[in-house]
Amino acid sequence: MNRNGNSTLGGAILAQVRGVTSEIPPCIADFVKDVVSPHHGSRPAGSVAIDIACDVHNGRLMRLWMAYKGDDVTFGGEGHKGAWEADASGRGAVLVRCTRQGCLNSARLTNEWLVAHLGKVRQDFETGKGLPIAWFPLSQVGAPSS
């Protein structure tokens, strides 16, 4: 829990991986704003990640990673400048869009989608069923934007 007593995104992801229902925090836009930087660095050893890319151009727009040690969870990420912004609909989602000139591909990244998919990547990796990084085209991220 955070200092306000609310569930954290890390707590929600860990709860899902453990098979426990958890309340999901209300605003992924704040989370992304806090953890995503424009610098492309390496993710920590032992972390799992989700890469988000344009369906047409295949270049990575954003990577969100989760590193964990016991109950301690650290998040981070990197994204191309202009590839994401808070969704103006007021639902707390993040609008991820292709940065190529003239490309209109975009999607709404929601808490529910991120929690479900980071948890699945972690679970699959820990059980030997997958890699520590999953790639998702915009058409498979959250709810497509209009």
C-alpha atoms as a PDB file:
ATOM      1  CA  MET A   1       0.000   0.000   0.000  1.00  0.00           C
ATOM      2  CA  ASN A   2       1.105   3.549  -0.558  1.00  0.00           C
ATOM      3  CA  ARG A   3       1.278   6.204   2.137  1.00  0.00           C
ATOM      4  CA  ASN A   4      -2.395   7.116   1.581  1.00  0.00           C
ATOM      5  CA  GLY A   5      -3.464   3.536   2.346  1.00  0.00           C
ATOM      6  CA  ASN A   6      -4.432   2.813  -1.268  1.00  0.00           C
ATOM      7  CA  SER A   7      -3.363  -0.256  -3.192  1.00  0.00           C
ATOM      8  CA  THR A   8      -0.344   0.227  -5.409  1.00  0.00           C
ATOM      9  CA  LEU A   9       0.018  -1.031  -8.968  1.00  0.00           C
ATOM     10  CA  GLY A  10       2.838  -3.317  -7.787  1.00  0.00           C
ATOM     11  CA  GLY A  11       0.606  -4.750  -5.097  1.00  0.00           C
ATOM     12  CA  ALA A  12      -2.175  -5.354  -7.597  1.00  0.00           C
ATOM     13  CA  ILE A  13       0.181  -7.164  -9.977  1.00  0.00           C
ATOM     14  CA  LEU A  14       1.682  -9.310  -7.229  1.00  0.00           C
ATOM     15  CA  ALA A  15      -1.778 -10.164  -5.897  1.00  0.00           C
ATOM     16  CA  GLN A  16      -2.889 -11.303  -9.349  1.00  0.00           C
ATOM     17  CA  VAL A  17       0.218 -13.444  -9.847  1.00  0.00           C
ATOM     18  CA  ARG A  18      -0.518 -15.052  -6.477  1.00  0.00           C
ATOM     19  CA  GLY A  19      -4.154 -15.611  -7.481  1.00  0.00           C
ATOM     20  CA  VAL A  20      -5.621 -13.050  -5.083  1.00  0.00           C
ATOM     21  CA  THR A  21      -8.195 -10.465  -6.157  1.00  0.00           C
ATOM     22  CA  SER A  22      -6.955  -6.939  -5.558  1.00  0.00           C
ATOM     23  CA  GLU A  23      -8.267  -3.443  -6.066  1.00  0.00           C
ATOM     24  CA  ILE A  24      -6.497  -1.777  -8.954  1.00  0.00           C
ATOM     25  CA  PRO A  25      -5.295   1.787  -8.453  1.00  0.00           C
ATOM     26  CA  PRO A  26      -7.355   4.401 -10.290  1.00  0.00           C
ATOM     27  CA  CYS A  27      -4.826   6.208 -12.472  1.00  0.00           C
ATOM     28  CA  ILE A  28      -2.225   4.526 -14.646  1.00  0.00           C
ATOM     29  CA  ALA A  29      -1.382   7.929 -16.147  1.00  0.00           C
ATOM     30  CA  ASP A  30       0.293   8.972 -12.876  1.00  0.00           C
ATOM     31  CA  PHE A  31       2.153   5.659 -12.712  1.00  0.00           C
ATOM     32  CA  VAL A  32       3.473   5.979 -16.271  1.00  0.00           C
ATOM     33  CA  LYS A  33       4.421   9.624 -15.709  1.00  0.00           C
ATOM     34  CA  ASP A  34       6.481   8.565 -12.683  1.00  0.00           C
ATOM     35  CA  VAL A  35       8.295   5.556 -14.182  1.00  0.00           C
ATOM     36  CA  VAL A  36       8.720   6.171 -17.921  1.00  0.00           C
ATOM     37  CA  SER A  37      11.732   8.109 -19.105  1.00  0.00           C
ATOM     38  CA  PRO A  38      12.897   8.959 -22.628  1.00  0.00           C
ATOM     39  CA  HIS A  39      16.264   7.334 -21.947  1.00  0.00           C
ATOM     40  CA  HIS A  40      16.738   3.858 -23.342  1.00  0.00           C
ATOM     41  CA  GLY A  41      18.585   1.891 -20.733  1.00  0.00           C
ATOM     42  CA  SER A  42      18.675  -1.723 -19.807  1.00  0.00           C
ATOM     43  CA  ARG A  43      16.097  -3.215 -17.521  1.00  0.00           C
ATOM     44  CA  PRO A  44      17.333  -4.800 -14.286  1.00  0.00           C
ATOM     45  CA  ALA A  45      18.347  -8.439 -14.226  1.00  0.00           C
ATOM     46  CA  GLY A  46      15.477 -10.652 -13.138  1.00  0.00           C
ATOM     47  CA  SER A  47      12.779  -8.252 -14.294  1.00  0.00           C
ATOM     48  CA  VAL A  48       9.908  -8.880 -16.659  1.00  0.00           C
ATOM     49  CA  ALA A  49       8.786  -6.396 -19.280  1.00  0.00           C
ATOM     50  CA  ILE A  50       6.156  -5.496 -21.812  1.00  0.00           C
ATOM     51  CA  ASP A  51       7.170  -3.853 -25.064  1.00  0.00           C
ATOM     52  CA  ILE A  52       4.519  -1.885 -26.950  1.00  0.00           C
ATOM     53  CA  ALA A  53       5.009  -1.278 -30.660  1.00  0.00           C
ATOM     54  CA  CYS A  54       3.112  -0.015 -33.689  1.00  0.00           C
ATOM     55  CA  ASP A  55       1.387  -2.763 -35.702  1.00  0.00           C
ATOM     56  CA  VAL A  56       2.701  -1.256 -38.946  1.00  0.00           C
ATOM     57  CA  HIS A  57       6.140   0.117 -38.079  1.00  0.00           C
ATOM     58  CA  ASN A  58       7.266  -2.480 -35.501  1.00  0.00           C
ATOM     59  CA  GLY A  59       9.540  -0.061 -33.613  1.00  0.00           C
ATOM     60  CA  ARG A  60       9.217  -0.158 -29.840  1.00  0.00           C
ATOM     61  CA  LEU A  61       7.255   2.835 -28.571  1.00  0.00           C
ATOM     62  CA  MET A  62       7.374   2.011 -24.885  1.00  0.00           C
ATOM     63  CA  ARG A  63       8.760  -0.613 -22.516  1.00  0.00           C
ATOM     64  CA  LEU A  64       7.346  -1.071 -19.027  1.00  0.00           C
ATOM     65  CA  TRP A  65       9.243  -3.367 -16.697  1.00  0.00           C
ATOM     66  CA  MET A  66       8.761  -4.816 -13.240  1.00  0.00           C
ATOM     67  CA  ALA A  67      11.606  -6.080 -11.060  1.00  0.00           C
ATOM     68  CA  TYR A  68      10.786  -7.962  -7.903  1.00  0.00           C
ATOM     69  CA  LYS A  69      12.567  -9.453  -4.944  1.00  0.00           C
ATOM     70  CA  GLY A  70      10.235 -11.037  -2.440  1.00  0.00           C
ATOM     71  CA  ASP A  71       7.480  -8.525  -1.777  1.00  0.00           C
ATOM     72  CA  ASP A  72       9.525  -5.551  -2.980  1.00  0.00           C
ATOM     73  CA  VAL A  73       8.557  -4.424  -6.466  1.00  0.00           C
ATOM     74  CA  THR A  74      10.281  -1.798  -8.576  1.00  0.00           C
ATOM     75  CA  PHE A  75       8.865  -0.440 -11.810  1.00  0.00           C
ATOM     76  CA  GLY A  76      10.465   1.427 -14.632  1.00  0.00           C
ATOM     77  CA  GLY A  77      10.171   2.057 -18.277  1.00  0.00           C
ATOM     78  CA  GLU A  78      11.263   3.992 -21.250  1.00  0.00           C
ATOM     79  CA  GLY A  79       9.374   5.461 -24.131  1.00  0.00           C
ATOM     80  CA  HIS A  80       9.923   7.531 -27.219  1.00  0.00           C
ATOM     81  CA  LYS A  81       9.189  11.213 -26.828  1.00  0.00           C
ATOM     82  CA  GLY A  82       5.579  11.831 -27.823  1.00  0.00           C
ATOM     83  CA  ALA A  83       4.613   8.148 -27.701  1.00  0.00           C
ATOM     84  CA  TRP A  84       2.320   8.508 -24.687  1.00  0.00           C
ATOM     85  CA  GLU A  85       0.162  10.988 -22.810  1.00  0.00           C
ATOM     86  CA  ALA A  86      -2.625  10.934 -20.259  1.00  0.00           C
ATOM     87  CA  ASP A  87      -5.930  10.016 -21.899  1.00  0.00           C
ATOM     88  CA  ALA A  88      -8.120  13.126 -22.072  1.00  0.00           C
ATOM     89  CA  SER A  89     -11.275  11.039 -21.520  1.00  0.00           C
ATOM     90  CA  GLY A  90     -10.714  11.320 -17.768  1.00  0.00           C
ATOM     91  CA  ARG A  91     -10.687   7.554 -17.180  1.00  0.00           C
ATOM     92  CA  GLY A  92      -7.077   7.512 -15.961  1.00  0.00           C
ATOM     93  CA  ALA A  93      -5.742   5.581 -18.950  1.00  0.00           C
ATOM     94  CA  VAL A  94      -2.680   6.385 -21.033  1.00  0.00           C
ATOM     95  CA  LEU A  95      -2.913   6.978 -24.765  1.00  0.00           C
ATOM     96  CA  VAL A  96       0.005   5.266 -26.521  1.00  0.00           C
ATOM     97  CA  ARG A  97       0.518   6.263 -30.141  1.00  0.00           C
ATOM     98  CA  CYS A  98       2.917   5.621 -32.981  1.00  0.00           C
ATOM     99  CA  THR A  99       5.459   8.409 -33.350  1.00  0.00           C
ATOM    100  CA  ARG A 100       5.939   7.998 -37.096  1.00  0.00           C
ATOM    101  CA  GLN A 101       4.730  10.988 -39.065  1.00  0.00           C
ATOM    102  CA  GLY A 102       1.294  10.351 -40.556  1.00  0.00           C
ATOM    103  CA  CYS A 103       0.655   7.140 -38.591  1.00  0.00           C
ATOM    104  CA  LEU A 104      -2.581   7.218 -36.631  1.00  0.00           C
ATOM    105  CA  ASN A 105      -2.193   3.909 -34.742  1.00  0.00           C
ATOM    106  CA  SER A 106      -2.888   4.280 -31.037  1.00  0.00           C
ATOM    107  CA  ALA A 107      -4.401   2.486 -28.056  1.00  0.00           C
ATOM    108  CA  ARG A 108      -5.592   3.203 -24.520  1.00  0.00           C
ATOM    109  CA  LEU A 109      -3.410   1.484 -21.937  1.00  0.00           C
ATOM    110  CA  THR A 110      -5.476   0.766 -18.824  1.00  0.00           C
ATOM    111  CA  ASN A 111      -4.597  -0.393 -15.312  1.00  0.00           C
ATOM    112  CA  GLU A 112      -6.501  -3.610 -15.830  1.00  0.00           C
ATOM    113  CA  TRP A 113      -4.655  -4.461 -19.027  1.00  0.00           C
ATOM    114  CA  LEU A 114      -1.233  -3.663 -17.579  1.00  0.00           C
ATOM    115  CA  VAL A 115      -1.830  -5.589 -14.350  1.00  0.00           C
ATOM    116  CA  ALA A 116      -3.143  -8.616 -16.238  1.00  0.00           C
ATOM    117  CA  HIS A 117      -0.335  -8.716 -18.794  1.00  0.00           C
ATOM    118  CA  LEU A 118       2.641  -7.944 -16.526  1.00  0.00           C
ATOM    119  CA  GLY A 119       1.311 -10.574 -14.137  1.00  0.00           C
ATOM    120  CA  LYS A 120       0.948 -13.093 -16.986  1.00  0.00           C
ATOM    121  CA  VAL A 121       4.472 -12.412 -18.291  1.00  0.00           C
ATOM    122  CA  ARG A 122       5.873 -12.915 -14.789  1.00  0.00           C
ATOM    123  CA  GLN A 123       3.856 -16.073 -14.164  1.00  0.00           C
ATOM    124  CA  ASP A 124       4.759 -17.589 -17.559  1.00  0.00           C
ATOM    125  CA  PHE A 125       8.442 -16.775 -17.075  1.00  0.00           C
ATOM    126  CA  GLU A 126       8.554 -18.227 -13.570  1.00  0.00           C
ATOM    127  CA  THR A 127       6.931 -21.467 -14.744  1.00  0.00           C
ATOM    128  CA  GLY A 128       9.190 -21.775 -17.789  1.00  0.00           C
ATOM    129  CA  LYS A 129       6.382 -21.107 -20.296  1.00  0.00           C
ATOM    130  CA  GLY A 130       7.656 -17.833 -21.682  1.00  0.00           C
ATOM    131  CA  LEU A 131      10.336 -15.199 -21.968  1.00  0.00           C
ATOM    132  CA  PRO A 132      10.772 -12.320 -19.507  1.00  0.00           C
ATOM    133  CA  ILE A 133       9.663  -9.847 -22.197  1.00  0.00           C
ATOM    134  CA  ALA A 134       6.372  -9.867 -24.084  1.00  0.00           C
ATOM    135  CA  TRP A 135       5.800  -7.801 -27.220  1.00  0.00           C
ATOM    136  CA  PHE A 136       2.392  -6.298 -27.942  1.00  0.00           C
ATOM    137  CA  PRO A 137       1.296  -4.367 -31.024  1.00  0.00           C
ATOM    138  CA  LEU A 138      -0.981  -1.402 -30.348  1.00  0.00           C
ATOM    139  CA  SER A 139      -3.973  -3.375 -31.654  1.00  0.00           C
ATOM    140  CA  GLN A 140      -3.611  -5.744 -28.649  1.00  0.00           C
ATOM    141  CA  VAL A 141      -3.055  -3.085 -25.962  1.00  0.00           C
ATOM    142  CA  GLY A 142      -5.983  -2.154 -23.754  1.00  0.00           C
ATOM    143  CA  ALA A 143      -8.910  -0.657 -25.608  1.00  0.00           C
ATOM    144  CA  PRO A 144      -8.231   0.678 -29.124  1.00  0.00           C
ATOM    145  CA  SER A 145      -8.744   4.428 -29.307  1.00  0.00           C
ATOM    146  CA  SER A 146     -11.016   6.085 -31.812  1.00  0.00           C
END
